[in-house]
Amino acid sequence: MQMRIHLQPAYVLFSQPFQNTSVMVDFFTLEFGRVRGVAKGARREKSKYRSLLQPFHPLLINFGGRGDVKTVGNIESGHASFSLAGDRLFCGLYLNEVLCRLLQNFQEHQSLYRTYQDTLVALQGFGDIEVILRKFELNLLAELGYAIDFGQDYLTREPIQKNKRYRFVPDAGFELDRSLEADDRIENLFEGVDLIALKDLSFNERSAVRAAKRLLRLALRIHLGDKPLQSRSLFTNVR
Protein backbone atom coordinates (compact mmCIF):
# COMPACT_ATOMS: atom_id res chain seq x y z
CA MET A 1 0.00 0.00 0.00
CA GLN A 2 1.77 3.14 -1.23
CA MET A 3 0.98 6.19 0.86
CA ARG A 4 2.46 9.47 2.03
CA ILE A 5 0.65 10.91 5.03
CA HIS A 6 1.39 14.22 6.74
CA LEU A 7 0.55 15.49 10.22
CA GLN A 8 -1.52 12.49 11.24
CA PRO A 9 -2.67 12.58 14.90
CA ALA A 10 -1.26 9.53 16.67
CA TYR A 11 -0.26 7.88 19.94
CA VAL A 12 2.51 5.37 20.58
CA LEU A 13 1.06 2.01 21.62
CA PHE A 14 4.30 0.01 21.67
CA SER A 15 7.90 0.52 20.62
CA GLN A 16 11.04 -1.58 20.44
CA PRO A 17 14.64 -1.14 19.24
CA PHE A 18 15.19 -1.83 15.55
CA GLN A 19 18.59 -2.36 13.97
CA ASN A 20 21.35 -0.14 15.39
CA THR A 21 19.77 3.24 16.01
CA SER A 22 16.12 3.01 14.92
CA VAL A 23 12.83 2.27 16.67
CA MET A 24 9.93 0.11 15.48
CA VAL A 25 6.70 1.70 16.66
CA ASP A 26 3.05 0.67 16.69
CA PHE A 27 0.97 3.84 16.46
CA PHE A 28 -2.74 4.35 17.00
CA THR A 29 -3.69 6.99 14.44
CA LEU A 30 -6.89 8.94 13.97
CA GLU A 31 -7.58 8.12 10.31
CA PHE A 32 -5.66 4.89 9.72
CA GLY A 33 -6.04 2.96 12.97
CA ARG A 34 -3.00 0.91 13.90
CA VAL A 35 0.10 1.76 11.87
CA ARG A 36 3.52 0.13 12.29
CA GLY A 37 6.47 2.25 11.29
CA VAL A 38 10.23 2.61 11.65
CA ALA A 39 11.60 5.86 13.06
CA LYS A 40 15.12 5.86 11.68
CA GLY A 41 17.85 7.12 14.00
CA ALA A 42 15.38 7.77 16.84
CA ARG A 43 17.63 6.00 19.36
CA ARG A 44 20.57 8.28 18.71
CA GLU A 45 21.45 10.38 21.75
CA LYS A 46 20.90 13.63 19.88
CA SER A 47 17.70 12.57 18.12
CA LYS A 48 14.92 15.09 18.63
CA TYR A 49 12.40 12.23 18.49
CA ARG A 50 13.65 10.23 21.50
CA SER A 51 11.59 12.17 24.02
CA LEU A 52 8.48 12.23 21.81
CA LEU A 53 8.11 8.50 21.11
CA GLN A 54 6.59 7.77 24.50
CA PRO A 55 3.15 6.39 25.47
CA PHE A 56 0.32 8.86 26.16
CA HIS A 57 2.00 11.70 24.24
CA PRO A 58 -0.25 13.16 21.51
CA LEU A 59 1.76 13.33 18.29
CA LEU A 60 1.51 14.52 14.71
CA ILE A 61 3.44 12.15 12.44
CA ASN A 62 4.40 11.84 8.79
CA PHE A 63 4.76 8.37 7.32
CA GLY A 64 4.91 6.68 3.94
CA GLY A 65 6.04 3.66 1.96
CA ARG A 66 4.71 0.64 0.11
CA GLY A 67 4.91 -2.21 2.59
CA ASP A 68 2.98 -2.97 5.77
CA VAL A 69 5.77 -1.35 7.79
CA LYS A 70 5.96 2.35 6.98
CA THR A 71 8.85 4.78 7.24
CA VAL A 72 8.17 7.49 9.80
CA GLY A 73 9.24 10.96 8.74
CA ASN A 74 8.71 14.08 10.80
CA ILE A 75 7.28 13.77 14.33
CA GLU A 76 5.78 16.71 16.21
CA SER A 77 4.22 17.07 19.62
CA GLY A 78 0.46 17.59 19.45
CA HIS A 79 0.00 19.00 22.97
CA ALA A 80 1.11 18.14 26.48
CA SER A 81 1.36 14.43 27.27
CA PHE A 82 -1.00 12.76 29.72
CA SER A 83 0.51 12.32 33.17
CA LEU A 84 -0.30 8.91 34.66
CA ALA A 85 1.25 7.34 37.75
CA GLY A 86 0.85 4.24 39.90
CA ASP A 87 -2.14 2.06 39.08
CA ARG A 88 -3.38 4.63 36.59
CA LEU A 89 -0.15 4.28 34.62
CA PHE A 90 -0.59 0.50 34.58
CA CYS A 91 -4.16 1.02 33.36
CA GLY A 92 -2.86 3.13 30.50
CA LEU A 93 -0.37 0.41 29.58
CA TYR A 94 -3.26 -2.08 29.65
CA LEU A 95 -5.22 0.06 27.17
CA ASN A 96 -2.21 0.20 24.85
CA GLU A 97 -1.56 -3.52 25.00
CA VAL A 98 -5.18 -4.46 24.31
CA LEU A 99 -5.34 -2.06 21.36
CA CYS A 100 -2.06 -3.39 20.00
CA ARG A 101 -3.36 -6.95 20.21
CA LEU A 102 -6.84 -6.35 18.76
CA LEU A 103 -6.51 -3.61 16.13
CA GLN A 104 -5.77 -4.55 12.53
CA ASN A 105 -3.36 -2.47 10.46
CA PHE A 106 -4.83 0.44 8.49
CA GLN A 107 -8.41 0.00 9.71
CA GLU A 108 -9.89 3.34 10.70
CA HIS A 109 -11.45 3.65 14.17
CA GLN A 110 -11.99 7.36 14.72
CA SER A 111 -14.65 6.86 17.39
CA LEU A 112 -12.41 4.46 19.29
CA TYR A 113 -9.50 6.90 18.96
CA ARG A 114 -11.57 9.56 20.69
CA THR A 115 -12.72 7.05 23.32
CA TYR A 116 -9.06 6.26 23.99
CA GLN A 117 -8.28 9.96 24.46
CA ASP A 118 -11.29 10.42 26.75
CA THR A 119 -10.17 7.41 28.80
CA LEU A 120 -6.69 8.88 29.25
CA VAL A 121 -8.30 12.13 30.41
CA ALA A 122 -10.43 10.18 32.89
CA LEU A 123 -7.41 8.26 34.19
CA GLN A 124 -5.72 11.58 34.98
CA GLY A 125 -8.63 12.41 37.28
CA PHE A 126 -9.99 10.83 40.43
CA GLY A 127 -12.73 8.61 39.01
CA ASP A 128 -13.10 4.91 39.86
CA ILE A 129 -10.45 3.06 37.83
CA GLU A 130 -12.57 -0.05 37.38
CA VAL A 131 -15.52 1.92 36.00
CA ILE A 132 -13.22 3.82 33.62
CA LEU A 133 -11.75 0.56 32.28
CA ARG A 134 -15.10 -1.18 31.92
CA LYS A 135 -16.54 1.68 29.88
CA PHE A 136 -13.50 1.61 27.62
CA GLU A 137 -13.76 -2.16 27.13
CA LEU A 138 -17.45 -1.96 26.27
CA ASN A 139 -16.73 0.74 23.68
CA LEU A 140 -13.80 -1.26 22.32
CA LEU A 141 -15.91 -4.37 21.74
CA ALA A 142 -18.69 -2.34 20.13
CA GLU A 143 -16.27 -0.54 17.80
CA LEU A 144 -14.75 -3.84 16.69
CA GLY A 145 -18.17 -5.30 15.92
CA TYR A 146 -18.60 -7.40 19.06
CA ALA A 147 -21.05 -5.26 21.02
CA ILE A 148 -22.75 -7.05 23.91
CA ASP A 149 -26.55 -7.02 23.81
CA PHE A 150 -27.71 -6.46 27.39
CA GLY A 151 -31.33 -6.07 26.39
CA GLN A 152 -32.56 -9.57 25.57
CA ASP A 153 -32.08 -13.31 25.70
CA TYR A 154 -30.38 -14.09 22.38
CA LEU A 155 -32.32 -17.35 21.97
CA THR A 156 -35.86 -16.31 22.86
CA ARG A 157 -35.58 -12.53 22.23
CA GLU A 158 -37.31 -12.01 25.58
CA PRO A 159 -36.18 -8.92 27.54
CA ILE A 160 -33.64 -9.47 30.30
CA GLN A 161 -35.49 -9.61 33.63
CA LYS A 162 -33.91 -8.29 36.81
CA ASN A 163 -35.04 -11.19 39.02
CA LYS A 164 -33.59 -13.94 36.79
CA ARG A 165 -30.14 -15.29 36.11
CA TYR A 166 -28.45 -15.56 32.70
CA ARG A 167 -25.59 -17.45 31.13
CA PHE A 168 -23.17 -15.49 28.93
CA VAL A 169 -22.10 -17.01 25.62
CA PRO A 170 -19.21 -14.98 24.08
CA ASP A 171 -20.04 -13.36 20.73
CA ALA A 172 -23.66 -14.53 21.07
CA GLY A 173 -25.20 -12.94 24.15
CA PHE A 174 -27.16 -14.03 27.20
CA GLU A 175 -29.48 -16.98 27.63
CA LEU A 176 -31.77 -17.69 30.55
CA ASP A 177 -30.21 -20.03 33.09
CA ARG A 178 -32.74 -22.73 33.93
CA SER A 179 -30.76 -24.47 36.65
CA LEU A 180 -32.50 -24.59 40.02
CA GLU A 181 -29.61 -23.43 42.19
CA ALA A 182 -27.24 -20.52 41.84
CA ASP A 183 -23.53 -21.28 41.87
CA ASP A 184 -21.23 -18.30 42.35
CA ARG A 185 -18.29 -20.40 41.17
CA ILE A 186 -19.61 -20.47 37.59
CA GLU A 187 -17.97 -17.46 35.99
CA ASN A 188 -20.39 -17.05 33.08
CA LEU A 189 -23.58 -16.72 35.18
CA PHE A 190 -24.95 -13.20 35.76
CA GLU A 191 -27.88 -11.69 37.60
CA GLY A 192 -30.42 -9.91 35.45
CA VAL A 193 -30.41 -6.86 37.72
CA ASP A 194 -26.69 -6.38 37.04
CA LEU A 195 -27.13 -6.79 33.29
CA ILE A 196 -29.85 -4.14 33.25
CA ALA A 197 -27.54 -1.80 35.15
CA LEU A 198 -24.75 -2.40 32.63
CA LYS A 199 -27.11 -1.74 29.74
CA ASP A 200 -27.68 1.72 31.24
CA LEU A 201 -23.95 2.11 32.04
CA SER A 202 -24.95 2.39 35.69
CA PHE A 203 -22.15 1.43 38.07
CA ASN A 204 -23.76 2.67 41.28
CA GLU A 205 -23.92 -0.83 42.78
CA ARG A 206 -20.70 -2.71 43.46
CA SER A 207 -22.35 -5.92 42.27
CA ALA A 208 -22.67 -4.37 38.80
CA VAL A 209 -19.00 -3.30 38.83
CA ARG A 210 -17.90 -6.82 39.82
CA ALA A 211 -20.18 -8.36 37.20
CA ALA A 212 -18.79 -6.05 34.50
CA LYS A 213 -15.21 -7.00 35.35
CA ARG A 214 -15.97 -10.72 35.13
CA LEU A 215 -18.11 -10.36 32.01
CA LEU A 216 -15.63 -8.27 30.04
CA ARG A 217 -12.75 -10.56 30.86
CA LEU A 218 -14.81 -13.41 29.34
CA ALA A 219 -15.81 -11.32 26.32
CA LEU A 220 -12.26 -10.19 25.58
CA ARG A 221 -10.61 -13.55 26.20
CA ILE A 222 -11.96 -15.09 23.00
CA HIS A 223 -10.36 -12.29 20.94
CA LEU A 224 -7.12 -11.88 22.87
CA GLY A 225 -6.33 -15.59 22.84
CA ASP A 226 -4.41 -17.54 25.46
CA LYS A 227 -1.29 -15.38 25.52
CA PRO A 228 -1.31 -13.49 28.86
CA LEU A 229 -1.41 -9.72 28.89
CA GLN A 230 1.89 -8.42 30.24
CA SER A 231 0.23 -5.33 31.69
CA ARG A 232 -1.97 -7.49 33.94
CA SER A 233 1.11 -8.80 35.71
CA LEU A 234 1.94 -5.25 36.84
CA PHE A 235 -1.07 -4.92 39.10
CA THR A 236 -3.75 -7.14 40.58
CA ASN A 237 -6.20 -4.91 42.37
CA VAL A 238 -7.80 -3.47 39.21
CA ARG A 239 -7.71 -6.17 36.56
C-alpha atoms as a PDB file:
ATOM      1  CA  MET A   1       0.000   0.000   0.000  1.00  0.00           C
ATOM      2  CA  GLN A   2       1.773   3.142  -1.235  1.00  0.00           C
ATOM      3  CA  MET A   3       0.984   6.192   0.858  1.00  0.00           C
ATOM      4  CA  ARG A   4       2.460   9.469   2.028  1.00  0.00           C
ATOM      5  CA  ILE A   5       0.652  10.905   5.032  1.00  0.00           C
ATOM      6  CA  HIS A   6       1.389  14.218   6.740  1.00  0.00           C
ATOM      7  CA  LEU A   7       0.554  15.491  10.225  1.00  0.00           C
ATOM      8  CA  GLN A   8      -1.523  12.493  11.243  1.00  0.00           C
ATOM      9  CA  PRO A   9      -2.669  12.582  14.899  1.00  0.00           C
ATOM     10  CA  ALA A  10      -1.259   9.533  16.673  1.00  0.00           C
ATOM     11  CA  TYR A  11      -0.258   7.882  19.941  1.00  0.00           C
ATOM     12  CA  VAL A  12       2.509   5.368  20.580  1.00  0.00           C
ATOM     13  CA  LEU A  13       1.064   2.015  21.625  1.00  0.00           C
ATOM     14  CA  PHE A  14       4.296   0.006  21.667  1.00  0.00           C
ATOM     15  CA  SER A  15       7.904   0.517  20.625  1.00  0.00           C
ATOM     16  CA  GLN A  16      11.039  -1.584  20.437  1.00  0.00           C
ATOM     17  CA  PRO A  17      14.639  -1.136  19.235  1.00  0.00           C
ATOM     18  CA  PHE A  18      15.192  -1.834  15.548  1.00  0.00           C
ATOM     19  CA  GLN A  19      18.591  -2.356  13.973  1.00  0.00           C
ATOM     20  CA  ASN A  20      21.347  -0.141  15.393  1.00  0.00           C
ATOM     21  CA  THR A  21      19.770   3.237  16.009  1.00  0.00           C
ATOM     22  CA  SER A  22      16.124   3.013  14.920  1.00  0.00           C
ATOM     23  CA  VAL A  23      12.827   2.267  16.667  1.00  0.00           C
ATOM     24  CA  MET A  24       9.928   0.110  15.477  1.00  0.00           C
ATOM     25  CA  VAL A  25       6.698   1.703  16.657  1.00  0.00           C
ATOM     26  CA  ASP A  26       3.051   0.667  16.687  1.00  0.00           C
ATOM     27  CA  PHE A  27       0.973   3.842  16.462  1.00  0.00           C
ATOM     28  CA  PHE A  28      -2.742   4.346  16.996  1.00  0.00           C
ATOM     29  CA  THR A  29      -3.686   6.990  14.435  1.00  0.00           C
ATOM     30  CA  LEU A  30      -6.887   8.943  13.969  1.00  0.00           C
ATOM     31  CA  GLU A  31      -7.576   8.123  10.315  1.00  0.00           C
ATOM     32  CA  PHE A  32      -5.661   4.892   9.724  1.00  0.00           C
ATOM     33  CA  GLY A  33      -6.038   2.958  12.974  1.00  0.00           C
ATOM     34  CA  ARG A  34      -2.996   0.911  13.897  1.00  0.00           C
ATOM     35  CA  VAL A  35       0.103   1.763  11.869  1.00  0.00           C
ATOM     36  CA  ARG A  36       3.515   0.132  12.290  1.00  0.00           C
ATOM     37  CA  GLY A  37       6.474   2.245  11.289  1.00  0.00           C
ATOM     38  CA  VAL A  38      10.228   2.613  11.651  1.00  0.00           C
ATOM     39  CA  ALA A  39      11.596   5.859  13.059  1.00  0.00           C
ATOM     40  CA  LYS A  40      15.119   5.858  11.683  1.00  0.00           C
ATOM     41  CA  GLY A  41      17.852   7.121  13.996  1.00  0.00           C
ATOM     42  CA  ALA A  42      15.382   7.771  16.837  1.00  0.00           C
ATOM     43  CA  ARG A  43      17.630   5.995  19.358  1.00  0.00           C
ATOM     44  CA  ARG A  44      20.571   8.279  18.710  1.00  0.00           C
ATOM     45  CA  GLU A  45      21.448  10.376  21.749  1.00  0.00           C
ATOM     46  CA  LYS A  46      20.904  13.629  19.876  1.00  0.00           C
ATOM     47  CA  SER A  47      17.703  12.572  18.120  1.00  0.00           C
ATOM     48  CA  LYS A  48      14.919  15.087  18.627  1.00  0.00           C
ATOM     49  CA  TYR A  49      12.403  12.235  18.494  1.00  0.00           C
ATOM     50  CA  ARG A  50      13.654  10.231  21.500  1.00  0.00           C
ATOM     51  CA  SER A  51      11.587  12.174  24.022  1.00  0.00           C
ATOM     52  CA  LEU A  52       8.485  12.234  21.806  1.00  0.00           C
ATOM     53  CA  LEU A  53       8.113   8.504  21.111  1.00  0.00           C
ATOM     54  CA  GLN A  54       6.586   7.768  24.505  1.00  0.00           C
ATOM     55  CA  PRO A  55       3.154   6.394  25.467  1.00  0.00           C
ATOM     56  CA  PHE A  56       0.325   8.857  26.156  1.00  0.00           C
ATOM     57  CA  HIS A  57       2.000  11.699  24.244  1.00  0.00           C
ATOM     58  CA  PRO A  58      -0.252  13.156  21.509  1.00  0.00           C
ATOM     59  CA  LEU A  59       1.757  13.332  18.287  1.00  0.00           C
ATOM     60  CA  LEU A  60       1.510  14.523  14.709  1.00  0.00           C
ATOM     61  CA  ILE A  61       3.444  12.150  12.444  1.00  0.00           C
ATOM     62  CA  ASN A  62       4.395  11.844   8.787  1.00  0.00           C
ATOM     63  CA  PHE A  63       4.759   8.372   7.324  1.00  0.00           C
ATOM     64  CA  GLY A  64       4.906   6.680   3.944  1.00  0.00           C
ATOM     65  CA  GLY A  65       6.039   3.664   1.964  1.00  0.00           C
ATOM     66  CA  ARG A  66       4.707   0.643   0.107  1.00  0.00           C
ATOM     67  CA  GLY A  67       4.907  -2.214   2.590  1.00  0.00           C
ATOM     68  CA  ASP A  68       2.980  -2.965   5.765  1.00  0.00           C
ATOM     69  CA  VAL A  69       5.771  -1.352   7.789  1.00  0.00           C
ATOM     70  CA  LYS A  70       5.962   2.349   6.984  1.00  0.00           C
ATOM     71  CA  THR A  71       8.849   4.779   7.244  1.00  0.00           C
ATOM     72  CA  VAL A  72       8.174   7.489   9.800  1.00  0.00           C
ATOM     73  CA  GLY A  73       9.237  10.961   8.740  1.00  0.00           C
ATOM     74  CA  ASN A  74       8.711  14.079  10.803  1.00  0.00           C
ATOM     75  CA  ILE A  75       7.279  13.768  14.334  1.00  0.00           C
ATOM     76  CA  GLU A  76       5.784  16.707  16.210  1.00  0.00           C
ATOM     77  CA  SER A  77       4.219  17.072  19.623  1.00  0.00           C
ATOM     78  CA  GLY A  78       0.456  17.591  19.448  1.00  0.00           C
ATOM     79  CA  HIS A  79      -0.005  19.001  22.970  1.00  0.00           C
ATOM     80  CA  ALA A  80       1.106  18.136  26.484  1.00  0.00           C
ATOM     81  CA  SER A  81       1.360  14.429  27.266  1.00  0.00           C
ATOM     82  CA  PHE A  82      -0.996  12.756  29.718  1.00  0.00           C
ATOM     83  CA  SER A  83       0.513  12.319  33.174  1.00  0.00           C
ATOM     84  CA  LEU A  84      -0.303   8.915  34.662  1.00  0.00           C
ATOM     85  CA  ALA A  85       1.247   7.344  37.746  1.00  0.00           C
ATOM     86  CA  GLY A  86       0.847   4.243  39.897  1.00  0.00           C
ATOM     87  CA  ASP A  87      -2.140   2.056  39.079  1.00  0.00           C
ATOM     88  CA  ARG A  88      -3.376   4.635  36.586  1.00  0.00           C
ATOM     89  CA  LEU A  89      -0.147   4.281  34.620  1.00  0.00           C
ATOM     90  CA  PHE A  90      -0.593   0.501  34.582  1.00  0.00           C
ATOM     91  CA  CYS A  91      -4.159   1.018  33.361  1.00  0.00           C
ATOM     92  CA  GLY A  92      -2.857   3.132  30.501  1.00  0.00           C
ATOM     93  CA  LEU A  93      -0.372   0.412  29.577  1.00  0.00           C
ATOM     94  CA  TYR A  94      -3.255  -2.080  29.647  1.00  0.00           C
ATOM     95  CA  LEU A  95      -5.219   0.056  27.169  1.00  0.00           C
ATOM     96  CA  ASN A  96      -2.208   0.203  24.854  1.00  0.00           C
ATOM     97  CA  GLU A  97      -1.560  -3.525  25.002  1.00  0.00           C
ATOM     98  CA  VAL A  98      -5.181  -4.464  24.308  1.00  0.00           C
ATOM     99  CA  LEU A  99      -5.344  -2.062  21.358  1.00  0.00           C
ATOM    100  CA  CYS A 100      -2.060  -3.388  19.999  1.00  0.00           C
ATOM    101  CA  ARG A 101      -3.365  -6.952  20.213  1.00  0.00           C
ATOM    102  CA  LEU A 102      -6.836  -6.349  18.760  1.00  0.00           C
ATOM    103  CA  LEU A 103      -6.509  -3.608  16.128  1.00  0.00           C
ATOM    104  CA  GLN A 104      -5.774  -4.546  12.527  1.00  0.00           C
ATOM    105  CA  ASN A 105      -3.358  -2.467  10.456  1.00  0.00           C
ATOM    106  CA  PHE A 106      -4.830   0.441   8.491  1.00  0.00           C
ATOM    107  CA  GLN A 107      -8.415   0.001   9.707  1.00  0.00           C
ATOM    108  CA  GLU A 108      -9.888   3.338  10.698  1.00  0.00           C
ATOM    109  CA  HIS A 109     -11.448   3.650  14.173  1.00  0.00           C
ATOM    110  CA  GLN A 110     -11.990   7.360  14.723  1.00  0.00           C
ATOM    111  CA  SER A 111     -14.654   6.858  17.386  1.00  0.00           C
ATOM    112  CA  LEU A 112     -12.412   4.457  19.292  1.00  0.00           C
ATOM    113  CA  TYR A 113      -9.502   6.899  18.962  1.00  0.00           C
ATOM    114  CA  ARG A 114     -11.573   9.565  20.693  1.00  0.00           C
ATOM    115  CA  THR A 115     -12.719   7.055  23.318  1.00  0.00           C
ATOM    116  CA  TYR A 116      -9.060   6.263  23.987  1.00  0.00           C
ATOM    117  CA  GLN A 117      -8.282   9.960  24.457  1.00  0.00           C
ATOM    118  CA  ASP A 118     -11.286  10.416  26.747  1.00  0.00           C
ATOM    119  CA  THR A 119     -10.175   7.407  28.796  1.00  0.00           C
ATOM    120  CA  LEU A 120      -6.685   8.883  29.249  1.00  0.00           C
ATOM    121  CA  VAL A 121      -8.296  12.135  30.411  1.00  0.00           C
ATOM    122  CA  ALA A 122     -10.432  10.178  32.888  1.00  0.00           C
ATOM    123  CA  LEU A 123      -7.410   8.257  34.188  1.00  0.00           C
ATOM    124  CA  GLN A 124      -5.718  11.582  34.982  1.00  0.00           C
ATOM    125  CA  GLY A 125      -8.626  12.415  37.277  1.00  0.00           C
ATOM    126  CA  PHE A 126      -9.986  10.828  40.431  1.00  0.00           C
ATOM    127  CA  GLY A 127     -12.729   8.605  39.013  1.00  0.00           C
ATOM    128  CA  ASP A 128     -13.095   4.915  39.857  1.00  0.00           C
ATOM    129  CA  ILE A 129     -10.454   3.056  37.829  1.00  0.00           C
ATOM    130  CA  GLU A 130     -12.570  -0.053  37.381  1.00  0.00           C
ATOM    131  CA  VAL A 131     -15.517   1.924  36.002  1.00  0.00           C
ATOM    132  CA  ILE A 132     -13.219   3.818  33.620  1.00  0.00           C
ATOM    133  CA  LEU A 133     -11.753   0.563  32.277  1.00  0.00           C
ATOM    134  CA  ARG A 134     -15.095  -1.185  31.925  1.00  0.00           C
ATOM    135  CA  LYS A 135     -16.540   1.679  29.882  1.00  0.00           C
ATOM    136  CA  PHE A 136     -13.501   1.614  27.616  1.00  0.00           C
ATOM    137  CA  GLU A 137     -13.762  -2.162  27.132  1.00  0.00           C
ATOM    138  CA  LEU A 138     -17.451  -1.958  26.273  1.00  0.00           C
ATOM    139  CA  ASN A 139     -16.730   0.735  23.680  1.00  0.00           C
ATOM    140  CA  LEU A 140     -13.800  -1.261  22.316  1.00  0.00           C
ATOM    141  CA  LEU A 141     -15.909  -4.371  21.741  1.00  0.00           C
ATOM    142  CA  ALA A 142     -18.691  -2.342  20.133  1.00  0.00           C
ATOM    143  CA  GLU A 143     -16.269  -0.544  17.805  1.00  0.00           C
ATOM    144  CA  LEU A 144     -14.745  -3.838  16.695  1.00  0.00           C
ATOM    145  CA  GLY A 145     -18.169  -5.300  15.917  1.00  0.00           C
ATOM    146  CA  TYR A 146     -18.595  -7.404  19.061  1.00  0.00           C
ATOM    147  CA  ALA A 147     -21.053  -5.260  21.016  1.00  0.00           C
ATOM    148  CA  ILE A 148     -22.747  -7.052  23.908  1.00  0.00           C
ATOM    149  CA  ASP A 149     -26.548  -7.018  23.812  1.00  0.00           C
ATOM    150  CA  PHE A 150     -27.711  -6.463  27.389  1.00  0.00           C
ATOM    151  CA  GLY A 151     -31.332  -6.065  26.388  1.00  0.00           C
ATOM    152  CA  GLN A 152     -32.556  -9.568  25.571  1.00  0.00           C
ATOM    153  CA  ASP A 153     -32.080 -13.311  25.699  1.00  0.00           C
ATOM    154  CA  TYR A 154     -30.376 -14.086  22.383  1.00  0.00           C
ATOM    155  CA  LEU A 155     -32.316 -17.350  21.965  1.00  0.00           C
ATOM    156  CA  THR A 156     -35.862 -16.307  22.859  1.00  0.00           C
ATOM    157  CA  ARG A 157     -35.582 -12.535  22.227  1.00  0.00           C
ATOM    158  CA  GLU A 158     -37.308 -12.007  25.577  1.00  0.00           C
ATOM    159  CA  PRO A 159     -36.178  -8.924  27.539  1.00  0.00           C
ATOM    160  CA  ILE A 160     -33.641  -9.466  30.303  1.00  0.00           C
ATOM    161  CA  GLN A 161     -35.489  -9.607  33.635  1.00  0.00           C
ATOM    162  CA  LYS A 162     -33.907  -8.290  36.805  1.00  0.00           C
ATOM    163  CA  ASN A 163     -35.037 -11.186  39.016  1.00  0.00           C
ATOM    164  CA  LYS A 164     -33.591 -13.939  36.790  1.00  0.00           C
ATOM    165  CA  ARG A 165     -30.137 -15.294  36.107  1.00  0.00           C
ATOM    166  CA  TYR A 166     -28.451 -15.564  32.698  1.00  0.00           C
ATOM    167  CA  ARG A 167     -25.585 -17.447  31.133  1.00  0.00           C
ATOM    168  CA  PHE A 168     -23.171 -15.490  28.935  1.00  0.00           C
ATOM    169  CA  VAL A 169     -22.101 -17.008  25.622  1.00  0.00           C
ATOM    170  CA  PRO A 170     -19.209 -14.982  24.078  1.00  0.00           C
ATOM    171  CA  ASP A 171     -20.044 -13.362  20.731  1.00  0.00           C
ATOM    172  CA  ALA A 172     -23.663 -14.532  21.067  1.00  0.00           C
ATOM    173  CA  GLY A 173     -25.196 -12.940  24.152  1.00  0.00           C
ATOM    174  CA  PHE A 174     -27.157 -14.033  27.198  1.00  0.00           C
ATOM    175  CA  GLU A 175     -29.482 -16.983  27.631  1.00  0.00           C
ATOM    176  CA  LEU A 176     -31.775 -17.693  30.550  1.00  0.00           C
ATOM    177  CA  ASP A 177     -30.210 -20.033  33.088  1.00  0.00           C
ATOM    178  CA  ARG A 178     -32.739 -22.726  33.929  1.00  0.00           C
ATOM    179  CA  SER A 179     -30.761 -24.474  36.646  1.00  0.00           C
ATOM    180  CA  LEU A 180     -32.496 -24.590  40.015  1.00  0.00           C
ATOM    181  CA  GLU A 181     -29.613 -23.431  42.190  1.00  0.00           C
ATOM    182  CA  ALA A 182     -27.238 -20.517  41.836  1.00  0.00           C
ATOM    183  CA  ASP A 183     -23.530 -21.283  41.867  1.00  0.00           C
ATOM    184  CA  ASP A 184     -21.233 -18.304  42.346  1.00  0.00           C
ATOM    185  CA  ARG A 185     -18.293 -20.401  41.168  1.00  0.00           C
ATOM    186  CA  ILE A 186     -19.613 -20.474  37.591  1.00  0.00           C
ATOM    187  CA  GLU A 187     -17.974 -17.455  35.994  1.00  0.00           C
ATOM    188  CA  ASN A 188     -20.392 -17.051  33.077  1.00  0.00           C
ATOM    189  CA  LEU A 189     -23.583 -16.716  35.179  1.00  0.00           C
ATOM    190  CA  PHE A 190     -24.947 -13.202  35.763  1.00  0.00           C
ATOM    191  CA  GLU A 191     -27.883 -11.695  37.597  1.00  0.00           C
ATOM    192  CA  GLY A 192     -30.425  -9.912  35.447  1.00  0.00           C
ATOM    193  CA  VAL A 193     -30.410  -6.862  37.724  1.00  0.00           C
ATOM    194  CA  ASP A 194     -26.693  -6.383  37.038  1.00  0.00           C
ATOM    195  CA  LEU A 195     -27.131  -6.793  33.287  1.00  0.00           C
ATOM    196  CA  ILE A 196     -29.855  -4.144  33.251  1.00  0.00           C
ATOM    197  CA  ALA A 197     -27.544  -1.799  35.151  1.00  0.00           C
ATOM    198  CA  LEU A 198     -24.752  -2.401  32.633  1.00  0.00           C
ATOM    199  CA  LYS A 199     -27.111  -1.738  29.740  1.00  0.00           C
ATOM    200  CA  ASP A 200     -27.679   1.718  31.237  1.00  0.00           C
ATOM    201  CA  LEU A 201     -23.946   2.114  32.041  1.00  0.00           C
ATOM    202  CA  SER A 202     -24.951   2.389  35.692  1.00  0.00           C
ATOM    203  CA  PHE A 203     -22.150   1.425  38.065  1.00  0.00           C
ATOM    204  CA  ASN A 204     -23.760   2.666  41.276  1.00  0.00           C
ATOM    205  CA  GLU A 205     -23.922  -0.827  42.785  1.00  0.00           C
ATOM    206  CA  ARG A 206     -20.700  -2.707  43.464  1.00  0.00           C
ATOM    207  CA  SER A 207     -22.352  -5.919  42.275  1.00  0.00           C
ATOM    208  CA  ALA A 208     -22.670  -4.366  38.796  1.00  0.00           C
ATOM    209  CA  VAL A 209     -19.000  -3.303  38.834  1.00  0.00           C
ATOM    210  CA  ARG A 210     -17.900  -6.822  39.816  1.00  0.00           C
ATOM    211  CA  ALA A 211     -20.177  -8.364  37.198  1.00  0.00           C
ATOM    212  CA  ALA A 212     -18.794  -6.052  34.502  1.00  0.00           C
ATOM    213  CA  LYS A 213     -15.211  -6.998  35.355  1.00  0.00           C
ATOM    214  CA  ARG A 214     -15.974 -10.716  35.130  1.00  0.00           C
ATOM    215  CA  LEU A 215     -18.111 -10.357  32.009  1.00  0.00           C
ATOM    216  CA  LEU A 216     -15.629  -8.271  30.038  1.00  0.00           C
ATOM    217  CA  ARG A 217     -12.752 -10.561  30.861  1.00  0.00           C
ATOM    218  CA  LEU A 218     -14.812 -13.406  29.338  1.00  0.00           C
ATOM    219  CA  ALA A 219     -15.812 -11.320  26.322  1.00  0.00           C
ATOM    220  CA  LEU A 220     -12.255 -10.187  25.575  1.00  0.00           C
ATOM    221  CA  ARG A 221     -10.614 -13.554  26.197  1.00  0.00           C
ATOM    222  CA  ILE A 222     -11.958 -15.087  23.005  1.00  0.00           C
ATOM    223  CA  HIS A 223     -10.355 -12.290  20.938  1.00  0.00           C
ATOM    224  CA  LEU A 224      -7.116 -11.882  22.871  1.00  0.00           C
ATOM    225  CA  GLY A 225      -6.332 -15.594  22.843  1.00  0.00           C
ATOM    226  CA  ASP A 226      -4.412 -17.539  25.464  1.00  0.00           C
ATOM    227  CA  LYS A 227      -1.286 -15.375  25.521  1.00  0.00           C
ATOM    228  CA  PRO A 228      -1.312 -13.492  28.858  1.00  0.00           C
ATOM    229  CA  LEU A 229      -1.409  -9.717  28.892  1.00  0.00           C
ATOM    230  CA  GLN A 230       1.894  -8.423  30.244  1.00  0.00           C
ATOM    231  CA  SER A 231       0.231  -5.328  31.686  1.00  0.00           C
ATOM    232  CA  ARG A 232      -1.971  -7.490  33.938  1.00  0.00           C
ATOM    233  CA  SER A 233       1.108  -8.799  35.714  1.00  0.00           C
ATOM    234  CA  LEU A 234       1.941  -5.254  36.836  1.00  0.00           C
ATOM    235  CA  PHE A 235      -1.066  -4.921  39.100  1.00  0.00           C
ATOM    236  CA  THR A 236      -3.752  -7.141  40.577  1.00  0.00           C
ATOM    237  CA  ASN A 237      -6.204  -4.912  42.367  1.00  0.00           C
ATOM    238  CA  VAL A 238      -7.796  -3.471  39.206  1.00  0.00           C
ATOM    239  CA  ARG A 239      -7.709  -6.175  36.563  1.00  0.00           C
END
